N, C-alpha and C. Protein backbone atom coordinates (compact mmCIF):
# COMPACT_ATOMS: atom_id res chain seq x y z
N UNK A 1 0.85 -1.18 0.00
CA UNK A 1 0.00 0.00 0.00
C UNK A 1 0.90 1.24 0.00
N UNK A 2 0.88 1.99 -1.08
CA UNK A 2 1.72 3.18 -1.22
C UNK A 2 1.00 4.41 -0.69
N UNK A 3 1.74 5.21 0.08
CA UNK A 3 1.21 6.44 0.63
C UNK A 3 2.00 7.62 0.08
N UNK A 4 1.28 8.66 -0.29
CA UNK A 4 1.87 9.92 -0.71
C UNK A 4 1.86 10.85 0.50
N UNK A 5 3.05 11.28 0.93
CA UNK A 5 3.18 12.18 2.08
C UNK A 5 3.47 13.59 1.56
N UNK A 6 2.59 14.52 1.86
CA UNK A 6 2.76 15.92 1.47
C UNK A 6 3.19 16.70 2.70
N UNK A 7 4.43 17.15 2.71
CA UNK A 7 4.95 17.90 3.86
C UNK A 7 4.95 19.38 3.51
N UNK A 8 4.17 20.16 4.29
CA UNK A 8 3.97 21.57 3.99
C UNK A 8 4.65 22.51 4.98
N UNK A 9 5.25 21.97 6.03
CA UNK A 9 5.89 22.79 7.06
C UNK A 9 7.38 22.52 7.12
N UNK A 10 8.13 23.50 7.50
CA UNK A 10 9.57 23.36 7.67
C UNK A 10 9.86 22.60 8.97
N UNK A 11 10.79 21.66 8.92
CA UNK A 11 11.21 20.94 10.12
C UNK A 11 11.98 21.85 11.07
N UNK A 12 12.36 23.03 10.60
CA UNK A 12 13.01 24.01 11.47
C UNK A 12 12.00 24.65 12.43
N UNK A 13 10.69 24.53 12.10
CA UNK A 13 9.64 25.15 12.91
C UNK A 13 8.57 24.17 13.38
N UNK A 14 8.63 22.93 12.96
CA UNK A 14 7.54 21.99 13.22
C UNK A 14 8.09 20.57 13.32
N UNK A 15 7.34 19.69 13.91
CA UNK A 15 7.72 18.28 14.05
C UNK A 15 7.12 17.41 12.94
N UNK A 16 6.46 18.02 11.97
CA UNK A 16 5.75 17.26 10.93
C UNK A 16 6.66 16.30 10.17
N UNK A 17 7.82 16.76 9.73
CA UNK A 17 8.71 15.90 8.97
C UNK A 17 9.21 14.74 9.84
N UNK A 18 9.51 15.01 11.09
CA UNK A 18 9.95 13.96 12.01
C UNK A 18 8.84 12.92 12.18
N UNK A 19 7.61 13.38 12.38
CA UNK A 19 6.48 12.46 12.54
C UNK A 19 6.24 11.67 11.25
N UNK A 20 6.42 12.30 10.12
CA UNK A 20 6.29 11.62 8.83
C UNK A 20 7.30 10.48 8.74
N UNK A 21 8.53 10.73 9.18
CA UNK A 21 9.58 9.70 9.16
C UNK A 21 9.18 8.48 9.98
N UNK A 22 8.42 8.71 11.04
CA UNK A 22 8.03 7.63 11.95
C UNK A 22 7.08 6.63 11.30
N UNK A 23 6.30 7.07 10.31
CA UNK A 23 5.29 6.19 9.71
C UNK A 23 5.59 5.83 8.26
N UNK A 24 6.62 6.42 7.69
CA UNK A 24 6.93 6.22 6.28
C UNK A 24 7.44 4.80 6.02
N UNK A 25 7.00 4.22 4.91
CA UNK A 25 7.42 2.89 4.47
C UNK A 25 8.25 3.01 3.20
N UNK A 26 9.07 2.00 2.87
CA UNK A 26 9.98 2.08 1.72
C UNK A 26 9.33 2.41 0.38
N UNK A 27 8.09 2.02 0.15
CA UNK A 27 7.44 2.29 -1.14
C UNK A 27 6.75 3.65 -1.20
N UNK A 28 6.74 4.37 -0.10
CA UNK A 28 6.04 5.65 -0.02
C UNK A 28 6.76 6.73 -0.83
N UNK A 29 6.02 7.82 -1.08
CA UNK A 29 6.54 8.96 -1.81
C UNK A 29 6.40 10.19 -0.93
N UNK A 30 7.44 11.01 -0.89
CA UNK A 30 7.43 12.25 -0.13
C UNK A 30 7.48 13.42 -1.10
N UNK A 31 6.56 14.38 -0.92
CA UNK A 31 6.58 15.61 -1.71
C UNK A 31 6.69 16.78 -0.75
N UNK A 32 7.72 17.61 -0.97
CA UNK A 32 7.91 18.82 -0.19
C UNK A 32 7.24 19.97 -0.93
N UNK A 33 6.40 20.70 -0.22
CA UNK A 33 5.68 21.80 -0.84
C UNK A 33 5.54 22.94 0.17
N UNK A 34 5.15 24.10 -0.30
CA UNK A 34 5.02 25.29 0.55
C UNK A 34 6.31 25.44 1.37
N UNK A 35 6.21 25.74 2.67
CA UNK A 35 7.41 25.90 3.50
C UNK A 35 8.12 24.57 3.75
N UNK A 36 7.49 23.47 3.40
CA UNK A 36 8.14 22.16 3.48
C UNK A 36 9.36 22.08 2.58
N UNK A 37 9.43 22.96 1.59
CA UNK A 37 10.60 23.00 0.69
C UNK A 37 11.88 23.32 1.46
N UNK A 38 11.77 24.02 2.58
CA UNK A 38 12.96 24.33 3.37
C UNK A 38 13.61 23.06 3.93
N UNK A 39 12.88 21.96 3.93
CA UNK A 39 13.43 20.69 4.41
C UNK A 39 14.51 20.15 3.49
N UNK A 40 14.65 20.73 2.31
CA UNK A 40 15.76 20.35 1.43
C UNK A 40 17.10 20.60 2.12
N UNK A 41 17.12 21.54 3.08
CA UNK A 41 18.34 21.90 3.80
C UNK A 41 18.37 21.37 5.23
N UNK A 42 17.48 20.45 5.56
CA UNK A 42 17.39 19.93 6.92
C UNK A 42 18.03 18.54 7.00
N UNK A 43 18.66 18.24 8.13
CA UNK A 43 19.33 16.95 8.30
C UNK A 43 18.37 15.76 8.28
N UNK A 44 17.11 15.99 8.60
CA UNK A 44 16.14 14.89 8.57
C UNK A 44 15.96 14.31 7.17
N UNK A 45 16.26 15.10 6.15
CA UNK A 45 16.11 14.60 4.78
C UNK A 45 17.03 13.41 4.54
N UNK A 46 18.22 13.42 5.11
CA UNK A 46 19.13 12.28 4.95
C UNK A 46 18.59 11.06 5.68
N UNK A 47 17.86 11.25 6.79
CA UNK A 47 17.22 10.12 7.48
C UNK A 47 16.14 9.50 6.60
N UNK A 48 15.42 10.34 5.88
CA UNK A 48 14.36 9.85 5.00
C UNK A 48 14.95 9.02 3.87
N UNK A 49 16.13 9.44 3.39
CA UNK A 49 16.78 8.69 2.31
C UNK A 49 17.20 7.30 2.77
N UNK A 50 17.24 7.06 4.08
CA UNK A 50 17.50 5.72 4.61
C UNK A 50 16.23 4.87 4.61
N UNK A 51 15.07 5.52 4.50
CA UNK A 51 13.79 4.82 4.52
C UNK A 51 13.28 4.58 3.10
N UNK A 52 13.25 5.64 2.30
CA UNK A 52 12.77 5.53 0.92
C UNK A 52 13.91 5.93 -0.01
N UNK A 53 13.82 5.50 -1.24
CA UNK A 53 14.88 5.86 -2.20
C UNK A 53 14.75 7.34 -2.56
N UNK A 54 15.88 7.93 -2.94
CA UNK A 54 15.91 9.35 -3.29
C UNK A 54 14.95 9.66 -4.44
N UNK A 55 14.71 8.69 -5.32
CA UNK A 55 13.79 8.93 -6.44
C UNK A 55 12.34 9.10 -5.98
N UNK A 56 12.04 8.74 -4.76
CA UNK A 56 10.69 8.92 -4.22
C UNK A 56 10.54 10.18 -3.39
N UNK A 57 11.57 11.03 -3.42
CA UNK A 57 11.50 12.33 -2.76
C UNK A 57 11.38 13.39 -3.86
N UNK A 58 10.36 14.21 -3.74
CA UNK A 58 10.07 15.19 -4.79
C UNK A 58 9.79 16.54 -4.16
N UNK A 59 9.91 17.59 -4.96
CA UNK A 59 9.63 18.94 -4.49
C UNK A 59 8.86 19.68 -5.59
N UNK A 60 7.92 20.51 -5.19
CA UNK A 60 7.15 21.30 -6.15
C UNK A 60 8.05 22.43 -6.67
N UNK A 61 8.21 22.48 -7.96
CA UNK A 61 9.14 23.42 -8.60
C UNK A 61 8.88 24.87 -8.20
N UNK A 62 7.66 25.34 -8.38
CA UNK A 62 7.37 26.75 -8.12
C UNK A 62 7.51 27.11 -6.64
N UNK A 63 7.26 26.16 -5.76
CA UNK A 63 7.37 26.42 -4.32
C UNK A 63 8.84 26.58 -3.93
N UNK A 64 9.71 25.73 -4.47
CA UNK A 64 11.14 25.84 -4.17
C UNK A 64 11.73 27.11 -4.79
N UNK A 65 11.31 27.42 -6.02
CA UNK A 65 11.80 28.62 -6.70
C UNK A 65 11.39 29.88 -5.95
N UNK A 66 10.15 29.91 -5.46
CA UNK A 66 9.65 31.09 -4.75
C UNK A 66 10.44 31.36 -3.47
N UNK A 67 11.06 30.31 -2.93
CA UNK A 67 11.84 30.44 -1.70
C UNK A 67 13.33 30.54 -1.98
N UNK A 68 13.70 30.59 -3.25
CA UNK A 68 15.10 30.74 -3.64
C UNK A 68 15.97 29.56 -3.26
N UNK A 69 15.41 28.36 -3.28
CA UNK A 69 16.14 27.17 -2.85
C UNK A 69 16.73 26.42 -4.03
N UNK A 70 17.94 25.93 -3.83
CA UNK A 70 18.56 25.04 -4.80
C UNK A 70 18.14 23.61 -4.48
N UNK A 71 17.73 22.89 -5.49
CA UNK A 71 17.27 21.52 -5.29
C UNK A 71 18.40 20.57 -5.66
N UNK A 72 18.78 19.67 -4.73
CA UNK A 72 19.81 18.69 -5.05
C UNK A 72 19.42 17.85 -6.26
N UNK A 73 20.41 17.42 -7.02
CA UNK A 73 20.15 16.67 -8.26
C UNK A 73 19.35 15.39 -8.03
N UNK A 74 19.51 14.76 -6.86
CA UNK A 74 18.81 13.50 -6.60
C UNK A 74 17.31 13.69 -6.35
N UNK A 75 16.90 14.91 -6.04
CA UNK A 75 15.50 15.20 -5.74
C UNK A 75 14.79 15.60 -7.02
N UNK A 76 13.69 14.94 -7.31
CA UNK A 76 12.93 15.25 -8.53
C UNK A 76 12.08 16.50 -8.32
N UNK A 77 12.16 17.40 -9.26
CA UNK A 77 11.35 18.62 -9.25
C UNK A 77 10.10 18.34 -10.09
N UNK A 78 8.93 18.58 -9.49
CA UNK A 78 7.67 18.28 -10.19
C UNK A 78 6.77 19.51 -10.22
N UNK A 79 5.80 19.44 -11.12
CA UNK A 79 4.80 20.51 -11.24
C UNK A 79 3.57 20.14 -10.41
N UNK A 80 2.66 21.07 -10.29
CA UNK A 80 1.40 20.79 -9.59
C UNK A 80 0.60 19.73 -10.35
N UNK A 81 0.67 19.74 -11.68
CA UNK A 81 -0.04 18.72 -12.46
C UNK A 81 0.49 17.32 -12.15
N UNK A 82 1.82 17.22 -11.99
CA UNK A 82 2.42 15.93 -11.65
C UNK A 82 2.02 15.50 -10.24
N UNK A 83 1.86 16.47 -9.34
CA UNK A 83 1.39 16.17 -7.99
C UNK A 83 -0.02 15.57 -8.04
N UNK A 84 -0.88 16.17 -8.84
CA UNK A 84 -2.24 15.65 -8.98
C UNK A 84 -2.21 14.21 -9.49
N UNK A 85 -1.35 13.94 -10.46
CA UNK A 85 -1.23 12.57 -10.98
C UNK A 85 -0.78 11.61 -9.88
N UNK A 86 0.13 12.05 -9.03
CA UNK A 86 0.59 11.19 -7.93
C UNK A 86 -0.54 10.84 -6.97
N UNK A 87 -1.47 11.78 -6.77
CA UNK A 87 -2.59 11.48 -5.86
C UNK A 87 -3.46 10.36 -6.41
N UNK A 88 -3.51 10.21 -7.72
CA UNK A 88 -4.28 9.13 -8.33
C UNK A 88 -3.50 7.82 -8.38
N UNK A 89 -2.18 7.92 -8.38
CA UNK A 89 -1.33 6.73 -8.49
C UNK A 89 -1.08 6.05 -7.14
N UNK A 90 -1.29 6.76 -6.04
CA UNK A 90 -1.06 6.19 -4.72
C UNK A 90 -2.39 5.83 -4.06
N UNK A 91 -2.29 4.95 -3.07
CA UNK A 91 -3.52 4.50 -2.41
C UNK A 91 -3.99 5.43 -1.31
N UNK A 92 -3.04 6.10 -0.65
CA UNK A 92 -3.37 7.02 0.44
C UNK A 92 -2.59 8.31 0.26
N UNK A 93 -3.17 9.40 0.79
CA UNK A 93 -2.48 10.68 0.80
C UNK A 93 -2.58 11.24 2.23
N UNK A 94 -1.42 11.59 2.79
CA UNK A 94 -1.38 12.22 4.09
C UNK A 94 -0.75 13.60 3.93
N UNK A 95 -1.43 14.63 4.40
CA UNK A 95 -0.88 15.98 4.37
C UNK A 95 -0.40 16.32 5.76
N UNK A 96 0.88 16.64 5.85
CA UNK A 96 1.50 17.02 7.10
C UNK A 96 1.60 18.53 7.12
N UNK A 97 0.78 19.18 8.00
CA UNK A 97 0.80 20.65 8.04
C UNK A 97 0.55 21.19 9.43
């Protein structure tokens, strides 16, 4: 059962990403959006890479750009349309906010 995790808060200000790590399974997908994009620079991201493969970590392009963030090459940059497609491809969606 694949779950899409949408993280909207920065781990610098919230426990959402940490709590997400607690329930995440290897087949799950993580999407960083809104202020969750700041997690690209948080140490918890490397912990997540121990749970799921880097190809299952994604960030919304316009959200990262609006915050002036550089996205590591291993992280896939996606559009809102691609996010919508992911909601149909996964069995569950959890929004962490």
